[in-house]
């Protein structure tokens, strides 16, 4: 039971980390493209 919950939690945290990384990367790309357009 404990290991099962831990696996689920680990999977969830990996997904959220991945999502936040994607968000920051998208934001970074937007900032850069905006700067280069000026």
N, C-alpha and C. Protein backbone atom coordinates (compact mmCIF):
# COMPACT_ATOMS: atom_id res chain seq x y z
N UNK A 1 0.84 -1.20 0.00
CA UNK A 1 0.00 0.00 0.00
C UNK A 1 0.88 1.26 0.00
N UNK A 2 1.83 1.30 0.88
CA UNK A 2 2.67 2.50 0.99
C UNK A 2 3.47 2.72 -0.29
N UNK A 3 4.06 1.64 -0.81
CA UNK A 3 4.87 1.79 -2.01
C UNK A 3 3.99 2.22 -3.19
N UNK A 4 2.75 1.73 -3.19
CA UNK A 4 1.83 2.11 -4.26
C UNK A 4 1.55 3.62 -4.21
N UNK A 5 1.26 4.14 -3.03
CA UNK A 5 1.00 5.57 -2.90
C UNK A 5 2.24 6.36 -3.26
N UNK A 6 3.37 5.84 -2.86
CA UNK A 6 4.61 6.55 -3.17
C UNK A 6 4.83 6.62 -4.68
N UNK A 7 4.55 5.53 -5.36
CA UNK A 7 4.70 5.53 -6.82
C UNK A 7 3.77 6.57 -7.44
N UNK A 8 2.54 6.59 -6.97
CA UNK A 8 1.59 7.56 -7.50
C UNK A 8 2.06 8.98 -7.25
N UNK A 9 2.53 9.21 -6.04
CA UNK A 9 2.99 10.55 -5.70
C UNK A 9 4.18 10.94 -6.56
N UNK A 10 5.08 10.00 -6.76
CA UNK A 10 6.27 10.26 -7.56
C UNK A 10 5.86 10.60 -8.99
N UNK A 11 4.95 9.84 -9.54
CA UNK A 11 4.50 10.08 -10.90
C UNK A 11 3.86 11.47 -10.98
N UNK A 12 3.06 11.81 -9.98
CA UNK A 12 2.39 13.11 -9.99
C UNK A 12 3.41 14.24 -9.91
N UNK A 13 4.39 14.10 -9.04
CA UNK A 13 5.37 15.18 -8.90
C UNK A 13 6.21 15.32 -10.16
N UNK A 14 6.54 14.22 -10.79
CA UNK A 14 7.30 14.29 -12.03
C UNK A 14 6.48 15.02 -13.10
N UNK A 15 5.21 14.73 -13.16
CA UNK A 15 4.35 15.39 -14.15
C UNK A 15 4.25 16.88 -13.88
N UNK A 16 4.08 17.26 -12.64
CA UNK A 16 3.95 18.68 -12.32
C UNK A 16 5.27 19.41 -12.58
N UNK A 17 6.39 18.75 -12.27
CA UNK A 17 7.69 19.36 -12.56
C UNK A 17 7.84 19.56 -14.06
N UNK A 18 7.46 18.55 -14.81
CA UNK A 18 7.55 18.63 -16.27
C UNK A 18 6.65 19.75 -16.80
N UNK A 19 5.45 19.86 -16.25
CA UNK A 19 4.53 20.91 -16.68
C UNK A 19 5.08 22.30 -16.39
N UNK A 20 5.61 22.48 -15.21
CA UNK A 20 6.14 23.80 -14.86
C UNK A 20 7.36 24.13 -15.71
N UNK A 21 8.15 23.12 -16.04
CA UNK A 21 9.31 23.35 -16.92
C UNK A 21 8.82 23.80 -18.29
N UNK A 22 7.81 23.13 -18.80
CA UNK A 22 7.27 23.51 -20.10
C UNK A 22 6.74 24.94 -20.07
N UNK A 23 6.05 25.30 -18.99
CA UNK A 23 5.51 26.64 -18.87
C UNK A 23 6.62 27.68 -18.86
N UNK A 24 7.65 27.44 -18.09
CA UNK A 24 8.74 28.42 -18.03
C UNK A 24 9.44 28.50 -19.37
N UNK A 25 9.57 27.38 -20.04
CA UNK A 25 10.22 27.38 -21.34
C UNK A 25 9.40 28.17 -22.36
N UNK A 26 8.10 27.97 -22.35
CA UNK A 26 7.22 28.73 -23.25
C UNK A 26 7.33 30.22 -22.96
N UNK A 27 7.32 30.55 -21.70
CA UNK A 27 7.44 31.95 -21.31
C UNK A 27 8.77 32.52 -21.78
N UNK A 28 9.82 31.75 -21.61
CA UNK A 28 11.16 32.16 -22.04
C UNK A 28 11.18 32.40 -23.54
N UNK A 29 10.58 31.51 -24.30
CA UNK A 29 10.54 31.67 -25.75
C UNK A 29 9.76 32.92 -26.14
N UNK A 30 8.64 33.14 -25.48
CA UNK A 30 7.83 34.32 -25.78
C UNK A 30 8.62 35.60 -25.51
N UNK A 31 9.29 35.64 -24.38
CA UNK A 31 10.08 36.83 -24.04
C UNK A 31 11.14 37.08 -25.10
N UNK A 32 11.83 36.02 -25.49
CA UNK A 32 12.90 36.18 -26.45
C UNK A 32 12.39 36.61 -27.82
N UNK A 33 11.31 36.01 -28.27
CA UNK A 33 10.79 36.38 -29.58
C UNK A 33 10.27 37.82 -29.55
N UNK A 34 9.71 38.23 -28.42
CA UNK A 34 9.22 39.60 -28.30
C UNK A 34 10.40 40.57 -28.38
N UNK A 35 11.48 40.25 -27.70
CA UNK A 35 12.65 41.12 -27.71
C UNK A 35 13.25 41.20 -29.11
N UNK A 36 13.30 40.10 -29.79
CA UNK A 36 13.92 40.11 -31.12
C UNK A 36 13.06 40.85 -32.14
N UNK A 37 11.77 40.96 -31.87
CA UNK A 37 10.89 41.67 -32.81
C UNK A 37 11.08 43.18 -32.71
N UNK A 38 11.51 43.66 -31.56
CA UNK A 38 11.62 45.11 -31.38
C UNK A 38 12.63 45.72 -32.34
